[in-house]
Amino acid sequence: MNLSLSYYSGLGKRSNNEDSVSVLESLNGVLAVVADGLGGQENGELASRQAVKTLNDRLTGESISPKKLIDAILKANEEICALQVDHPGAQTTIAAVWIGEGFAEAIHVGDTRIYQFRGDAIIYQSADHSVAQLGVMAGDITPGEVRTNRDRNKLFRVLGDKRVPKIAEKLLDIQPGDRLLLCSDGFWEGILEADMLRCARLTESAEPWLRQMRAIAEPAATDNNTAIAIVVRE
């Protein structure tokens, strides 16, 4: 497909970056990945980098399928678990979108989010694997209150879990004009969905759209903040 794409990764108020980001071309599409490491500084950084490396090693130059993508993420989970021998607590979230002709396979574990926008609407938003999200599902808090909820960073699914986390997947219908956004919690905590849509209305391609969103999200960010913006062209 004809795609406009832009990405960045910022430190926030941290001394090192535990987020990792990757965009690769396969034989049958484009794969975008954002991972947000947990476990503190070096451990989180190693976990997110390992997740991205595993997907790149296994899928670059390949014909990707949903099964191949899930298998690669499960392999990344194994390799991150192996890292924990020398780096206790190394874990990471992950969000990956493989875009083919007229569709996208969206996969995530944790609270790194995937959004799909069409016109003035959000037609898909991944559900965080967090205690705060469970509160939304129970009706105890609203989706907007997740950003300030004290349980927003308590995750029940991550990579680097010996129980093998359940991977959330969604097949998305993709049309010209659609926009996709993958972002770590350090990004989405600093910008409302209404502002994501407002910035989309003011821009035609991915780079200025992301630049405008970043100008809102990054200044107040205390955490690493990473995002990939994708616009599907005619």
C-alpha atoms as a PDB file:
ATOM      1  CA  MET A   1       0.000   0.000   0.000  1.00  0.00           C
ATOM      2  CA  ASN A   2       0.986   3.628  -0.414  1.00  0.00           C
ATOM      3  CA  LEU A   3       1.903   4.731   3.096  1.00  0.00           C
ATOM      4  CA  SER A   4       3.192   7.904   4.694  1.00  0.00           C
ATOM      5  CA  LEU A   5       5.088   7.038   7.879  1.00  0.00           C
ATOM      6  CA  SER A   6       6.987   8.851  10.626  1.00  0.00           C
ATOM      7  CA  TYR A   7       8.299   7.894  14.064  1.00  0.00           C
ATOM      8  CA  TYR A   8      10.332   9.182  17.011  1.00  0.00           C
ATOM      9  CA  SER A   9      11.431   8.134  20.497  1.00  0.00           C
ATOM     10  CA  GLY A  10      12.071  10.639  23.298  1.00  0.00           C
ATOM     11  CA  LEU A  11      13.638  10.372  26.761  1.00  0.00           C
ATOM     12  CA  GLY A  12      11.090  12.393  28.684  1.00  0.00           C
ATOM     13  CA  LYS A  13      12.602  13.085  32.109  1.00  0.00           C
ATOM     14  CA  ARG A  14      14.459   9.772  32.210  1.00  0.00           C
ATOM     15  CA  SER A  15      18.216   9.309  31.934  1.00  0.00           C
ATOM     16  CA  ASN A  16      17.954   6.442  29.451  1.00  0.00           C
ATOM     17  CA  ASN A  17      15.421   5.204  26.915  1.00  0.00           C
ATOM     18  CA  GLU A  18      13.698   1.899  27.657  1.00  0.00           C
ATOM     19  CA  ASP A  19      11.452   2.232  24.575  1.00  0.00           C
ATOM     20  CA  SER A  20      12.391   0.651  21.255  1.00  0.00           C
ATOM     21  CA  VAL A  21      10.906   1.304  17.824  1.00  0.00           C
ATOM     22  CA  SER A  22      11.218  -0.401  14.451  1.00  0.00           C
ATOM     23  CA  VAL A  23       9.738  -0.235  10.966  1.00  0.00           C
ATOM     24  CA  LEU A  24      10.635  -2.940   8.461  1.00  0.00           C
ATOM     25  CA  GLU A  25       9.534  -3.970   5.009  1.00  0.00           C
ATOM     26  CA  SER A  26       8.642  -7.596   4.416  1.00  0.00           C
ATOM     27  CA  LEU A  27       7.943  -9.278   1.120  1.00  0.00           C
ATOM     28  CA  ASN A  28       4.226  -8.599   1.533  1.00  0.00           C
ATOM     29  CA  GLY A  29       3.853  -5.463   3.611  1.00  0.00           C
ATOM     30  CA  VAL A  30       5.220  -3.184   6.311  1.00  0.00           C
ATOM     31  CA  LEU A  31       5.675  -4.058   9.984  1.00  0.00           C
ATOM     32  CA  ALA A  32       5.679  -1.284  12.609  1.00  0.00           C
ATOM     33  CA  VAL A  33       6.683  -2.090  16.210  1.00  0.00           C
ATOM     34  CA  VAL A  34       6.869  -0.162  19.490  1.00  0.00           C
ATOM     35  CA  ALA A  35       8.100  -1.813  22.706  1.00  0.00           C
ATOM     36  CA  ASP A  36       8.257  -0.236  26.182  1.00  0.00           C
ATOM     37  CA  GLY A  37      10.703  -1.921  28.537  1.00  0.00           C
ATOM     38  CA  LEU A  38      10.024  -2.603  32.207  1.00  0.00           C
ATOM     39  CA  GLY A  39      12.278  -3.606  35.051  1.00  0.00           C
ATOM     40  CA  GLY A  40      14.309  -0.456  35.481  1.00  0.00           C
ATOM     41  CA  GLN A  41      16.828   1.207  33.204  1.00  0.00           C
ATOM     42  CA  GLU A  42      19.212  -1.384  31.732  1.00  0.00           C
ATOM     43  CA  ASN A  43      16.851  -4.317  32.249  1.00  0.00           C
ATOM     44  CA  GLY A  44      13.891  -2.651  30.555  1.00  0.00           C
ATOM     45  CA  GLU A  45      16.052  -1.334  27.763  1.00  0.00           C
ATOM     46  CA  LEU A  46      17.468  -4.790  27.072  1.00  0.00           C
ATOM     47  CA  ALA A  47      13.991  -6.361  27.074  1.00  0.00           C
ATOM     48  CA  SER A  48      12.473  -3.916  24.585  1.00  0.00           C
ATOM     49  CA  ARG A  49      15.496  -4.115  22.310  1.00  0.00           C
ATOM     50  CA  GLN A  50      15.402  -7.899  22.381  1.00  0.00           C
ATOM     51  CA  ALA A  51      11.727  -7.906  21.422  1.00  0.00           C
ATOM     52  CA  VAL A  52      12.356  -5.674  18.420  1.00  0.00           C
ATOM     53  CA  LYS A  53      15.508  -7.569  17.429  1.00  0.00           C
ATOM     54  CA  THR A  54      13.705 -10.900  17.493  1.00  0.00           C
ATOM     55  CA  LEU A  55      10.927  -9.637  15.220  1.00  0.00           C
ATOM     56  CA  ASN A  56      13.437  -8.046  12.855  1.00  0.00           C
ATOM     57  CA  ASP A  57      15.604 -11.178  12.716  1.00  0.00           C
ATOM     58  CA  ARG A  58      12.686 -13.503  12.053  1.00  0.00           C
ATOM     59  CA  LEU A  59      10.551 -11.375   9.734  1.00  0.00           C
ATOM     60  CA  THR A  60      12.799  -9.118   7.641  1.00  0.00           C
ATOM     61  CA  GLY A  61      12.593 -10.200   4.012  1.00  0.00           C
ATOM     62  CA  GLU A  62       9.905 -12.779   4.800  1.00  0.00           C
ATOM     63  CA  SER A  63       6.290 -13.108   3.706  1.00  0.00           C
ATOM     64  CA  ILE A  64       4.579 -12.300   6.984  1.00  0.00           C
ATOM     65  CA  SER A  65       1.371 -13.974   8.153  1.00  0.00           C
ATOM     66  CA  PRO A  66      -0.520 -13.534  11.428  1.00  0.00           C
ATOM     67  CA  LYS A  67       0.850 -16.882  12.604  1.00  0.00           C
ATOM     68  CA  LYS A  68       4.438 -15.913  11.779  1.00  0.00           C
ATOM     69  CA  LEU A  69       4.021 -12.629  13.636  1.00  0.00           C
ATOM     70  CA  ILE A  70       2.587 -14.293  16.721  1.00  0.00           C
ATOM     71  CA  ASP A  71       5.280 -16.989  16.630  1.00  0.00           C
ATOM     72  CA  ALA A  72       7.946 -14.268  16.501  1.00  0.00           C
ATOM     73  CA  ILE A  73       6.436 -12.519  19.527  1.00  0.00           C
ATOM     74  CA  LEU A  74       6.292 -15.803  21.448  1.00  0.00           C
ATOM     75  CA  LYS A  75       9.946 -16.370  20.564  1.00  0.00           C
ATOM     76  CA  ALA A  76      10.738 -12.888  21.856  1.00  0.00           C
ATOM     77  CA  ASN A  77       9.002 -13.808  25.109  1.00  0.00           C
ATOM     78  CA  GLU A  78      11.291 -16.861  25.442  1.00  0.00           C
ATOM     79  CA  GLU A  79      14.416 -14.837  24.739  1.00  0.00           C
ATOM     80  CA  ILE A  80      13.479 -12.125  27.221  1.00  0.00           C
ATOM     81  CA  CYS A  81      12.861 -14.779  29.868  1.00  0.00           C
ATOM     82  CA  ALA A  82      16.365 -16.080  29.177  1.00  0.00           C
ATOM     83  CA  LEU A  83      17.763 -12.568  29.715  1.00  0.00           C
ATOM     84  CA  GLN A  84      16.381 -12.590  33.253  1.00  0.00           C
ATOM     85  CA  VAL A  85      19.142 -14.942  34.442  1.00  0.00           C
ATOM     86  CA  ASP A  86      21.541 -11.988  34.363  1.00  0.00           C
ATOM     87  CA  HIS A  87      18.972  -9.183  34.288  1.00  0.00           C
ATOM     88  CA  PRO A  88      16.197  -9.914  36.810  1.00  0.00           C
ATOM     89  CA  GLY A  89      12.840  -8.333  36.065  1.00  0.00           C
ATOM     90  CA  ALA A  90      13.580  -7.593  32.412  1.00  0.00           C
ATOM     91  CA  GLN A  91      10.192  -7.345  30.686  1.00  0.00           C
ATOM     92  CA  THR A  92       8.527  -5.284  27.981  1.00  0.00           C
ATOM     93  CA  THR A  93       5.224  -4.380  26.410  1.00  0.00           C
ATOM     94  CA  ILE A  94       4.842  -4.557  22.648  1.00  0.00           C
ATOM     95  CA  ALA A  95       2.526  -3.257  19.947  1.00  0.00           C
ATOM     96  CA  ALA A  96       2.954  -4.400  16.357  1.00  0.00           C
ATOM     97  CA  VAL A  97       0.982  -3.657  13.209  1.00  0.00           C
ATOM     98  CA  TRP A  98       1.617  -5.516   9.983  1.00  0.00           C
ATOM     99  CA  ILE A  99       0.046  -3.643   7.053  1.00  0.00           C
ATOM    100  CA  GLY A 100      -0.793  -5.557   3.906  1.00  0.00           C
ATOM    101  CA  GLU A 101      -2.996  -4.700   0.929  1.00  0.00           C
ATOM    102  CA  GLY A 102      -6.278  -3.439   2.347  1.00  0.00           C
ATOM    103  CA  PHE A 103      -5.814  -4.820   5.861  1.00  0.00           C
ATOM    104  CA  ALA A 104      -3.638  -4.613   8.946  1.00  0.00           C
ATOM    105  CA  GLU A 105      -2.976  -7.196  11.645  1.00  0.00           C
ATOM    106  CA  ALA A 106      -2.763  -5.441  15.023  1.00  0.00           C
ATOM    107  CA  ILE A 107      -1.134  -7.281  17.914  1.00  0.00           C
ATOM    108  CA  HIS A 108      -0.253  -6.103  21.398  1.00  0.00           C
ATOM    109  CA  VAL A 109       0.765  -7.190  24.867  1.00  0.00           C
ATOM    110  CA  GLY A 110       0.676  -4.651  27.709  1.00  0.00           C
ATOM    111  CA  ASP A 111      -0.273  -0.971  27.549  1.00  0.00           C
ATOM    112  CA  THR A 112       1.547   0.182  24.432  1.00  0.00           C
ATOM    113  CA  ARG A 113      -1.417   1.248  22.317  1.00  0.00           C
ATOM    114  CA  ILE A 114      -2.636   0.960  18.755  1.00  0.00           C
ATOM    115  CA  TYR A 115      -5.199   3.397  17.341  1.00  0.00           C
ATOM    116  CA  GLN A 116      -6.965   3.416  13.975  1.00  0.00           C
ATOM    117  CA  PHE A 117      -8.618   6.668  12.871  1.00  0.00           C
ATOM    118  CA  ARG A 118     -11.039   7.159   9.996  1.00  0.00           C
ATOM    119  CA  GLY A 119     -12.416  10.610   9.343  1.00  0.00           C
ATOM    120  CA  ASP A 120     -13.308  12.144  12.700  1.00  0.00           C
ATOM    121  CA  ALA A 121     -13.637   8.835  14.524  1.00  0.00           C
ATOM    122  CA  ILE A 122     -11.525   6.291  16.355  1.00  0.00           C
ATOM    123  CA  ILE A 123     -12.608   2.982  14.854  1.00  0.00           C
ATOM    124  CA  TYR A 124     -10.138   0.847  16.817  1.00  0.00           C
ATOM    125  CA  GLN A 125      -8.243   1.323  20.065  1.00  0.00           C
ATOM    126  CA  SER A 126      -6.363  -1.513  21.710  1.00  0.00           C
ATOM    127  CA  ALA A 127      -7.351  -2.320  25.288  1.00  0.00           C
ATOM    128  CA  ASP A 128      -4.526  -1.966  27.817  1.00  0.00           C
ATOM    129  CA  HIS A 129      -3.572  -5.066  29.762  1.00  0.00           C
ATOM    130  CA  SER A 130      -3.593  -3.086  32.996  1.00  0.00           C
ATOM    131  CA  VAL A 131      -5.467  -2.996  36.283  1.00  0.00           C
ATOM    132  CA  ALA A 132      -6.787   0.446  35.343  1.00  0.00           C
ATOM    133  CA  GLN A 133      -8.300  -0.961  32.135  1.00  0.00           C
ATOM    134  CA  LEU A 134     -10.063  -3.621  34.192  1.00  0.00           C
ATOM    135  CA  GLY A 135     -11.581  -0.732  36.136  1.00  0.00           C
ATOM    136  CA  VAL A 136     -12.889   0.714  32.866  1.00  0.00           C
ATOM    137  CA  MET A 137     -14.403  -2.636  31.906  1.00  0.00           C
ATOM    138  CA  ALA A 138     -16.058  -2.888  35.313  1.00  0.00           C
ATOM    139  CA  GLY A 139     -17.491   0.624  34.987  1.00  0.00           C
ATOM    140  CA  ASP A 140     -15.524   1.950  37.971  1.00  0.00           C
ATOM    141  CA  ILE A 141     -13.615   4.574  35.972  1.00  0.00           C
ATOM    142  CA  THR A 142     -13.997   6.167  32.554  1.00  0.00           C
ATOM    143  CA  PRO A 143     -11.495   5.604  29.717  1.00  0.00           C
ATOM    144  CA  GLY A 144     -10.248   9.167  30.145  1.00  0.00           C
ATOM    145  CA  GLU A 145      -9.476   8.557  33.812  1.00  0.00           C
ATOM    146  CA  VAL A 146      -6.962   5.820  32.964  1.00  0.00           C
ATOM    147  CA  ARG A 147      -4.300   8.496  32.356  1.00  0.00           C
ATOM    148  CA  THR A 148      -4.283   9.549  36.004  1.00  0.00           C
ATOM    149  CA  ASN A 149      -5.345   6.318  37.693  1.00  0.00           C
ATOM    150  CA  ARG A 150      -2.860   4.988  40.230  1.00  0.00           C
ATOM    151  CA  ASP A 151      -3.152   1.471  38.763  1.00  0.00           C
ATOM    152  CA  ARG A 152      -2.454   2.454  35.148  1.00  0.00           C
ATOM    153  CA  ASN A 153       1.087   1.002  35.255  1.00  0.00           C
ATOM    154  CA  LYS A 154       0.121  -2.264  36.931  1.00  0.00           C
ATOM    155  CA  LEU A 155       0.197  -4.707  34.009  1.00  0.00           C
ATOM    156  CA  PHE A 156      -1.054  -8.276  33.919  1.00  0.00           C
ATOM    157  CA  ARG A 157       0.357  -9.149  30.481  1.00  0.00           C
ATOM    158  CA  VAL A 158       3.945  -8.463  29.384  1.00  0.00           C
ATOM    159  CA  LEU A 159       6.701 -10.132  27.404  1.00  0.00           C
ATOM    160  CA  GLY A 160       9.184 -11.792  29.718  1.00  0.00           C
ATOM    161  CA  ASP A 161       6.546 -13.819  31.554  1.00  0.00           C
ATOM    162  CA  LYS A 162       7.211 -17.528  32.031  1.00  0.00           C
ATOM    163  CA  ARG A 163       3.434 -18.137  32.010  1.00  0.00           C
ATOM    164  CA  VAL A 164       3.428 -17.125  28.305  1.00  0.00           C
ATOM    165  CA  PRO A 165       1.143 -14.108  27.942  1.00  0.00           C
ATOM    166  CA  LYS A 166      -1.996 -14.223  25.832  1.00  0.00           C
ATOM    167  CA  ILE A 167      -1.449 -12.055  22.766  1.00  0.00           C
ATOM    168  CA  ALA A 168      -4.281  -9.725  21.754  1.00  0.00           C
ATOM    169  CA  GLU A 169      -4.845  -9.592  18.007  1.00  0.00           C
ATOM    170  CA  LYS A 170      -7.260  -7.750  15.740  1.00  0.00           C
ATOM    171  CA  LEU A 171      -7.632  -7.805  11.956  1.00  0.00           C
ATOM    172  CA  LEU A 172      -8.275  -4.250  10.772  1.00  0.00           C
ATOM    173  CA  ASP A 173      -9.886  -3.215   7.518  1.00  0.00           C
ATOM    174  CA  ILE A 174      -7.714  -0.487   5.996  1.00  0.00           C
ATOM    175  CA  GLN A 175      -8.951   2.162   3.569  1.00  0.00           C
ATOM    176  CA  PRO A 176      -7.254   5.147   1.895  1.00  0.00           C
ATOM    177  CA  GLY A 177      -7.302   8.069   4.301  1.00  0.00           C
ATOM    178  CA  ASP A 178      -7.073   5.893   7.408  1.00  0.00           C
ATOM    179  CA  ARG A 179      -4.473   6.708  10.042  1.00  0.00           C
ATOM    180  CA  LEU A 180      -2.715   4.366  12.443  1.00  0.00           C
ATOM    181  CA  LEU A 181      -0.861   5.318  15.602  1.00  0.00           C
ATOM    182  CA  LEU A 182       1.313   3.053  17.751  1.00  0.00           C
ATOM    183  CA  CYS A 183       2.527   4.651  20.991  1.00  0.00           C
ATOM    184  CA  SER A 184       3.991   3.878  24.390  1.00  0.00           C
ATOM    185  CA  ASP A 185       2.220   5.014  27.556  1.00  0.00           C
ATOM    186  CA  GLY A 186       4.662   7.901  27.916  1.00  0.00           C
ATOM    187  CA  PHE A 187       3.129   9.312  24.727  1.00  0.00           C
ATOM    188  CA  TRP A 188      -0.586   8.607  25.122  1.00  0.00           C
ATOM    189  CA  GLU A 189      -0.650   9.741  28.743  1.00  0.00           C
ATOM    190  CA  GLY A 190       0.310  13.220  27.523  1.00  0.00           C
ATOM    191  CA  ILE A 191      -2.223  13.689  24.721  1.00  0.00           C
ATOM    192  CA  LEU A 192      -5.980  13.217  24.571  1.00  0.00           C
ATOM    193  CA  GLU A 193      -7.618  11.326  21.730  1.00  0.00           C
ATOM    194  CA  ALA A 194      -9.481  14.517  20.803  1.00  0.00           C
ATOM    195  CA  ASP A 195      -6.110  16.186  20.181  1.00  0.00           C
ATOM    196  CA  MET A 196      -4.890  13.229  18.104  1.00  0.00           C
ATOM    197  CA  LEU A 197      -7.955  13.722  15.881  1.00  0.00           C
ATOM    198  CA  ARG A 198      -7.589  17.499  15.796  1.00  0.00           C
ATOM    199  CA  CYS A 199      -3.977  17.198  14.657  1.00  0.00           C
ATOM    200  CA  ALA A 200      -5.082  14.694  12.010  1.00  0.00           C
ATOM    201  CA  ARG A 201      -7.614  17.149  10.592  1.00  0.00           C
ATOM    202  CA  LEU A 202      -4.882  19.770  10.208  1.00  0.00           C
ATOM    203  CA  THR A 203      -2.379  17.560   8.371  1.00  0.00           C
ATOM    204  CA  GLU A 204      -2.253  15.361   5.281  1.00  0.00           C
ATOM    205  CA  SER A 205       0.797  13.172   5.913  1.00  0.00           C
ATOM    206  CA  ALA A 206       2.413  11.319   8.797  1.00  0.00           C
ATOM    207  CA  GLU A 207       5.368  13.594   9.574  1.00  0.00           C
ATOM    208  CA  PRO A 208       3.441  16.823  10.324  1.00  0.00           C
ATOM    209  CA  TRP A 209       0.692  14.840  12.088  1.00  0.00           C
ATOM    210  CA  LEU A 210       3.234  13.236  14.421  1.00  0.00           C
ATOM    211  CA  ARG A 211       5.112  16.519  14.862  1.00  0.00           C
ATOM    212  CA  GLN A 212       1.954  18.273  16.052  1.00  0.00           C
ATOM    213  CA  MET A 213       1.005  15.432  18.398  1.00  0.00           C
ATOM    214  CA  ARG A 214       4.535  15.280  19.752  1.00  0.00           C
ATOM    215  CA  ALA A 215       4.440  19.012  20.518  1.00  0.00           C
ATOM    216  CA  ILE A 216       1.524  18.277  22.862  1.00  0.00           C
ATOM    217  CA  ALA A 217       2.642  14.967  24.372  1.00  0.00           C
ATOM    218  CA  GLU A 218       6.374  15.399  24.844  1.00  0.00           C
ATOM    219  CA  PRO A 219       6.804  18.602  26.920  1.00  0.00           C
ATOM    220  CA  ALA A 220       4.996  17.210  29.962  1.00  0.00           C
ATOM    221  CA  ALA A 221       6.277  13.643  29.578  1.00  0.00           C
ATOM    222  CA  THR A 222       8.047  12.246  32.627  1.00  0.00           C
ATOM    223  CA  ASP A 223       8.547   8.863  30.964  1.00  0.00           C
ATOM    224  CA  ASN A 224      10.103   7.761  27.681  1.00  0.00           C
ATOM    225  CA  ASN A 225       7.660   8.571  24.883  1.00  0.00           C
ATOM    226  CA  THR A 226       7.597   6.839  21.523  1.00  0.00           C
ATOM    227  CA  ALA A 227       5.180   6.827  18.604  1.00  0.00           C
ATOM    228  CA  ILE A 228       4.792   5.681  15.013  1.00  0.00           C
ATOM    229  CA  ALA A 229       2.288   7.567  12.829  1.00  0.00           C
ATOM    230  CA  ILE A 230       1.037   6.059   9.586  1.00  0.00           C
ATOM    231  CA  VAL A 231      -1.260   7.572   6.969  1.00  0.00           C
ATOM    232  CA  VAL A 232      -2.735   5.366   4.225  1.00  0.00           C
ATOM    233  CA  ARG A 233      -2.652   7.280   0.960  1.00  0.00           C
ATOM    234  CA  GLU A 234      -4.805   6.904  -2.135  1.00  0.00           C
END
